């Protein structure tokens, strides 16, 4: 009799977008307090998990060659923490990462990969642990860990780990653009620290939660890391200008610590048309139409 073929379980680790990001001065422990409204895209990295004799990770995909599978990869770190938290030891799974998002791009890629892997391993191994407990485990990969584990629209405060889910955020057609340069978070924060802003309280939410109302409200907010990132990588500024010039672009901003920028549109068709136009102008850039905050 032929051996059973085990089909891996798979998921998308969605890109995280900071619709706005207000940052305060570094605290005594070396962290920056922040407030942000976060949405997740319908595009991201691909994660597959299959039973194996021991924990392992392989990497492929368009941006896979830019990653080295080191022992402290965020996926492996998260899965080892899962084993410790459940008392089951290192999970016996083989993980494959199809790296579709650019590296050091301000999209939460590594944290989102870890979150998806945690959920898949939990389900595959039949572990009795809910998403809230997985979110606590995800803190091992950094402040973005719980947010990316849940992958739901949310207000993020504290160091990014204090979450208030926001079910009223509507779907937002968008275009993601990365000009092909890395924007390491640590370097951007160090540049920001040369002239930090005092952290304001979370802004009052939109009075109108329609897509148009949300975009108008977002125009009153900002990303405090945008100027420091442009100082380090001026091409980010060029990307913002190119995206802002696209037909029907309603709002343009950088996400996270960069280098990815985004534009919001009234329709998915407008975002896709803008993607085609920009791809003809900048064939070496990563350009992806998407919809944010899909229910």
Protein backbone atom coordinates (compact mmCIF):
# COMPACT_ATOMS: atom_id res chain seq x y z
CA UNK A 1 0.00 0.00 0.00
CA UNK A 2 1.33 3.44 -0.92
CA UNK A 3 2.25 5.72 1.94
CA UNK A 4 -0.20 8.51 2.70
CA UNK A 5 0.74 11.80 1.07
CA UNK A 6 0.45 14.64 3.54
CA UNK A 7 -0.70 17.91 2.00
CA UNK A 8 0.88 20.96 3.64
CA UNK A 9 -1.39 23.55 5.18
CA UNK A 10 -0.92 26.97 3.62
CA UNK A 11 -1.77 30.61 4.26
CA UNK A 12 -0.97 34.12 3.11
CA UNK A 13 1.06 36.22 5.55
CA UNK A 14 -0.45 39.59 4.60
CA UNK A 15 1.45 42.84 4.22
CA UNK A 16 0.87 45.28 7.09
CA UNK A 17 0.25 48.94 6.22
CA UNK A 18 0.50 51.81 8.70
CA UNK A 19 -2.19 54.17 7.44
CA UNK A 20 -0.65 56.74 9.76
CA UNK A 21 2.20 56.50 12.26
CA UNK A 22 2.83 59.02 15.03
CA UNK A 23 6.02 58.37 17.01
CA UNK A 24 7.32 59.79 20.30
CA UNK A 25 10.85 60.16 21.68
CA UNK A 26 12.73 57.04 22.73
CA UNK A 27 12.00 55.94 26.31
CA UNK A 28 14.40 54.83 29.01
CA UNK A 29 14.34 51.24 27.77
CA UNK A 30 15.24 52.17 24.22
CA UNK A 31 11.74 51.92 22.73
CA UNK A 32 9.60 54.51 20.94
CA UNK A 33 5.96 54.95 21.97
CA UNK A 34 3.65 55.25 19.01
CA UNK A 35 0.09 55.41 17.83
CA UNK A 36 -1.03 54.07 14.47
CA UNK A 37 -3.98 52.77 12.52
CA UNK A 38 -2.98 49.53 10.83
CA UNK A 39 -4.62 47.68 7.97
CA UNK A 40 -3.63 44.48 6.20
CA UNK A 41 -3.47 43.91 2.46
CA UNK A 42 -4.85 41.03 0.42
CA UNK A 43 -1.30 40.29 -0.79
CA UNK A 44 1.67 38.95 1.13
CA UNK A 45 4.16 36.14 1.54
CA UNK A 46 3.09 32.51 1.20
CA UNK A 47 3.61 30.13 4.13
CA UNK A 48 3.22 26.35 4.03
CA UNK A 49 3.69 23.96 6.95
CA UNK A 50 3.94 20.17 6.79
CA UNK A 51 4.67 17.42 9.33
CA UNK A 52 8.35 16.49 9.57
CA UNK A 53 10.85 14.75 11.81
CA UNK A 54 12.21 18.05 13.07
CA UNK A 55 11.73 21.80 12.75
CA UNK A 56 13.16 23.26 9.53
CA UNK A 57 12.68 26.18 7.16
CA UNK A 58 13.21 26.63 3.45
CA UNK A 59 12.86 29.87 1.51
CA UNK A 60 11.97 30.60 -2.10
CA UNK A 61 10.00 33.14 -4.08
CA UNK A 62 10.89 36.40 -5.86
CA UNK A 63 12.68 37.85 -2.82
CA UNK A 64 13.86 34.58 -1.31
CA UNK A 65 17.44 34.98 -2.45
CA UNK A 66 17.75 38.09 -0.29
CA UNK A 67 17.08 36.05 2.86
CA UNK A 68 19.46 33.69 4.60
CA UNK A 69 17.87 31.02 6.77
CA UNK A 70 19.71 31.78 9.97
CA UNK A 71 18.89 29.95 13.23
CA UNK A 72 17.22 33.07 14.63
CA UNK A 73 14.86 33.63 11.70
CA UNK A 74 11.60 35.09 13.06
CA UNK A 75 9.56 32.07 11.92
CA UNK A 76 11.87 29.64 13.73
CA UNK A 77 12.03 31.90 16.78
CA UNK A 78 8.23 32.00 16.99
CA UNK A 79 7.79 28.25 16.54
CA UNK A 80 10.39 27.47 19.20
CA UNK A 81 8.51 29.82 21.54
CA UNK A 82 5.29 27.94 20.70
CA UNK A 83 6.93 24.68 21.76
CA UNK A 84 8.14 26.23 25.01
CA UNK A 85 4.74 27.75 25.81
CA UNK A 86 2.84 24.51 25.19
CA UNK A 87 5.46 22.22 26.75
CA UNK A 88 5.54 20.15 23.57
CA UNK A 89 9.11 20.90 22.57
CA UNK A 90 10.32 22.15 19.21
CA UNK A 91 7.44 21.65 16.75
CA UNK A 92 8.20 18.81 14.28
CA UNK A 93 7.24 20.73 11.14
CA UNK A 94 8.84 21.78 7.88
CA UNK A 95 8.02 25.37 6.91
CA UNK A 96 8.40 26.83 3.45
CA UNK A 97 8.39 30.60 2.98
CA UNK A 98 7.47 31.89 -0.47
CA UNK A 99 8.96 35.37 -0.08
CA UNK A 100 6.83 37.66 -2.26
CA UNK A 101 7.22 40.93 -0.32
CA UNK A 102 10.38 43.06 -0.51
CA UNK A 103 12.84 42.88 2.37
CA UNK A 104 13.12 45.72 4.95
CA UNK A 105 10.11 47.30 3.29
CA UNK A 106 7.95 48.64 6.13
CA UNK A 107 5.35 45.93 5.50
CA UNK A 108 5.82 43.82 8.63
CA UNK A 109 6.84 40.88 6.46
CA UNK A 110 8.90 38.92 8.96
CA UNK A 111 6.39 39.39 11.78
CA UNK A 112 3.50 38.45 9.51
CA UNK A 113 5.37 35.35 8.33
CA UNK A 114 5.88 34.31 11.96
CA UNK A 115 2.23 34.90 12.80
CA UNK A 116 0.97 32.81 9.89
CA UNK A 117 3.41 30.01 10.74
CA UNK A 118 2.24 30.00 14.36
CA UNK A 119 -1.40 29.58 13.35
CA UNK A 120 -0.65 26.89 10.77
CA UNK A 121 1.57 24.89 13.14
CA UNK A 122 -1.06 25.16 15.89
CA UNK A 123 -3.75 23.81 13.57
CA UNK A 124 -1.57 21.11 11.99
CA UNK A 125 -0.41 19.75 15.35
CA UNK A 126 -3.82 20.09 17.00
CA UNK A 127 -2.53 22.24 19.85
CA UNK A 128 -5.14 23.54 22.29
CA UNK A 129 -4.18 27.22 22.23
CA UNK A 130 -6.30 30.14 21.02
CA UNK A 131 -5.35 33.22 19.01
CA UNK A 132 -5.09 35.41 22.12
CA UNK A 133 -2.46 33.09 23.59
CA UNK A 134 -0.70 32.87 20.23
CA UNK A 135 -0.59 36.66 20.20
CA UNK A 136 1.30 36.60 23.50
CA UNK A 137 3.77 34.10 22.03
CA UNK A 138 4.19 36.30 18.95
CA UNK A 139 5.70 39.03 21.14
CA UNK A 140 8.96 37.09 20.89
CA UNK A 141 9.46 38.45 17.35
CA UNK A 142 8.97 42.09 18.37
CA UNK A 143 6.30 44.72 18.94
CA UNK A 144 4.65 43.97 15.57
CA UNK A 145 4.25 40.30 16.48
CA UNK A 146 0.77 40.31 18.08
CA UNK A 147 -0.61 42.77 15.51
CA UNK A 148 0.60 40.63 12.60
CA UNK A 149 -0.58 37.41 14.27
CA UNK A 150 -4.14 38.71 14.37
CA UNK A 151 -3.84 40.44 10.96
CA UNK A 152 -6.93 42.57 11.64
CA UNK A 153 -7.44 46.29 11.24
CA UNK A 154 -6.48 47.86 14.55
CA UNK A 155 -5.29 50.89 16.44
CA UNK A 156 -1.80 50.19 17.75
CA UNK A 157 -0.40 52.03 20.75
CA UNK A 158 2.30 51.62 23.39
CA UNK A 159 5.25 50.13 21.55
CA UNK A 160 2.82 48.75 18.98
CA UNK A 161 1.63 45.85 21.11
CA UNK A 162 -1.44 47.57 22.65
CA UNK A 163 -4.17 46.77 20.13
CA UNK A 164 -7.76 47.92 19.73
CA UNK A 165 -9.39 46.18 16.78
CA UNK A 166 -11.26 48.51 14.42
CA UNK A 167 -14.08 46.70 12.59
CA UNK A 168 -15.41 49.94 11.10
CA UNK A 169 -12.42 50.46 8.78
CA UNK A 170 -13.81 49.93 5.26
CA UNK A 171 -12.03 48.21 2.36
CA UNK A 172 -9.58 50.65 0.78
CA UNK A 173 -8.33 50.12 -2.80
CA UNK A 174 -4.61 50.81 -2.79
CA UNK A 175 -1.34 50.61 -4.67
CA UNK A 176 1.86 49.47 -2.92
CA UNK A 177 5.16 50.62 -4.41
CA UNK A 178 8.71 49.79 -3.34
CA UNK A 179 11.56 51.50 -5.23
CA UNK A 180 13.93 48.60 -4.68
CA UNK A 181 15.98 49.81 -1.72
CA UNK A 182 16.00 48.52 1.86
CA UNK A 183 15.00 50.82 4.70
CA UNK A 184 16.23 49.18 7.94
CA UNK A 185 14.03 50.12 10.87
CA UNK A 186 16.89 50.76 13.32
CA UNK A 187 18.66 53.22 11.05
CA UNK A 188 15.43 55.13 10.39
CA UNK A 189 14.65 55.43 14.10
CA UNK A 190 18.18 56.62 14.85
CA UNK A 191 17.77 59.36 12.26
CA UNK A 192 14.37 60.26 13.70
CA UNK A 193 15.95 60.57 17.15
CA UNK A 194 17.93 63.59 15.97
CA UNK A 195 14.69 65.63 16.10
CA UNK A 196 11.87 63.63 17.73
CA UNK A 197 8.33 64.90 18.15
CA UNK A 198 6.36 64.69 21.41
CA UNK A 199 3.83 61.88 21.16
CA UNK A 200 0.26 63.07 20.87
CA UNK A 201 -2.68 61.05 22.12
CA UNK A 202 -4.50 58.86 19.64
CA UNK A 203 -6.43 61.13 17.25
CA UNK A 204 -10.20 61.11 17.46
CA UNK A 205 -11.55 58.58 14.96
CA UNK A 206 -13.21 59.61 11.70
CA UNK A 207 -16.71 60.97 12.03
CA UNK A 208 -17.50 59.30 8.70
CA UNK A 209 -16.33 55.69 8.26
CA UNK A 210 -17.03 55.57 4.54
CA UNK A 211 -13.93 55.05 2.37
CA UNK A 212 -14.09 58.69 1.28
CA UNK A 213 -14.45 59.88 4.87
CA UNK A 214 -11.56 57.75 6.07
CA UNK A 215 -9.26 58.98 3.30
CA UNK A 216 -10.14 62.60 4.11
CA UNK A 217 -9.43 61.93 7.80
CA UNK A 218 -6.12 60.20 7.04
CA UNK A 219 -5.00 63.28 5.10
CA UNK A 220 -4.91 65.09 8.47
CA UNK A 221 -2.48 62.51 9.91
CA UNK A 222 1.14 61.70 8.98
CA UNK A 223 3.99 59.20 9.23
CA UNK A 224 6.70 60.62 11.51
CA UNK A 225 9.31 58.23 10.07
CA UNK A 226 8.80 59.40 6.49
CA UNK A 227 11.23 62.33 6.56
CA UNK A 228 14.01 60.36 8.32
CA UNK A 229 13.62 57.50 5.86
CA UNK A 230 13.83 59.87 2.89
CA UNK A 231 16.99 61.39 4.39
CA UNK A 232 18.59 57.93 4.31
CA UNK A 233 17.04 56.81 1.02
CA UNK A 234 16.07 59.81 -1.17
CA UNK A 235 14.49 57.47 -3.73
CA UNK A 236 11.61 57.02 -1.26
CA UNK A 237 10.77 60.68 -1.84
CA UNK A 238 10.91 60.11 -5.57
CA UNK A 239 8.55 57.16 -5.20
CA UNK A 240 6.10 59.28 -3.20
CA UNK A 241 6.15 61.94 -5.90
CA UNK A 242 5.64 59.38 -8.66
CA UNK A 243 2.71 57.77 -6.87
CA UNK A 244 1.11 61.11 -6.04
CA UNK A 245 1.19 62.02 -9.75
CA UNK A 246 -0.85 58.94 -10.76
CA UNK A 247 -4.41 59.54 -11.95
CA UNK A 248 -7.06 59.30 -9.22
CA UNK A 249 -4.57 58.83 -6.36
CA UNK A 250 -6.40 60.23 -3.32
CA UNK A 251 -3.74 59.94 -0.61
CA UNK A 252 -0.05 58.96 -0.66
CA UNK A 253 2.14 58.03 2.30
CA UNK A 254 5.03 55.83 3.36
CA UNK A 255 4.24 52.71 5.41
CA UNK A 256 6.11 51.96 8.63
CA UNK A 257 9.82 52.73 8.38
CA UNK A 258 9.77 52.39 4.58
CA UNK A 259 10.78 51.94 1.88
CA UNK A 260 7.30 50.96 0.64
CA UNK A 261 4.88 53.78 -0.12
CA UNK A 262 1.18 53.51 -0.85
CA UNK A 263 -1.61 55.38 -2.54
CA UNK A 264 -5.32 55.06 -1.80
CA UNK A 265 -7.94 55.14 -4.57
CA UNK A 266 -11.72 55.19 -4.80
CA UNK A 267 -11.85 51.93 -6.79
CA UNK A 268 -9.75 48.82 -7.31
CA UNK A 269 -9.92 49.46 -11.06
CA UNK A 270 -8.26 52.86 -10.58
CA UNK A 271 -5.51 51.26 -8.48
CA UNK A 272 -4.90 48.60 -11.13
CA UNK A 273 -4.76 51.18 -13.92
CA UNK A 274 -2.30 53.23 -11.88
CA UNK A 275 -0.17 50.11 -11.37
CA UNK A 276 0.03 49.51 -15.11
CA UNK A 277 1.01 53.12 -15.77
CA UNK A 278 3.69 53.21 -13.09
CA UNK A 279 5.11 49.83 -14.14
CA UNK A 280 5.66 51.23 -17.63
CA UNK A 281 7.50 54.23 -16.12
CA UNK A 282 9.45 52.34 -13.43
CA UNK A 283 9.89 48.72 -14.58
CA UNK A 284 12.43 47.95 -11.84
CA UNK A 285 10.16 48.92 -8.95
CA UNK A 286 7.92 46.48 -7.06
CA UNK A 287 4.37 47.63 -7.80
CA UNK A 288 1.30 45.84 -6.44
CA UNK A 289 -2.38 46.82 -6.55
CA UNK A 290 -4.30 45.55 -3.54
CA UNK A 291 -7.24 46.16 -1.25
CA UNK A 292 -6.62 47.00 2.39
CA UNK A 293 -8.88 46.05 5.31
CA UNK A 294 -10.83 43.35 3.49
CA UNK A 295 -13.32 41.92 6.03
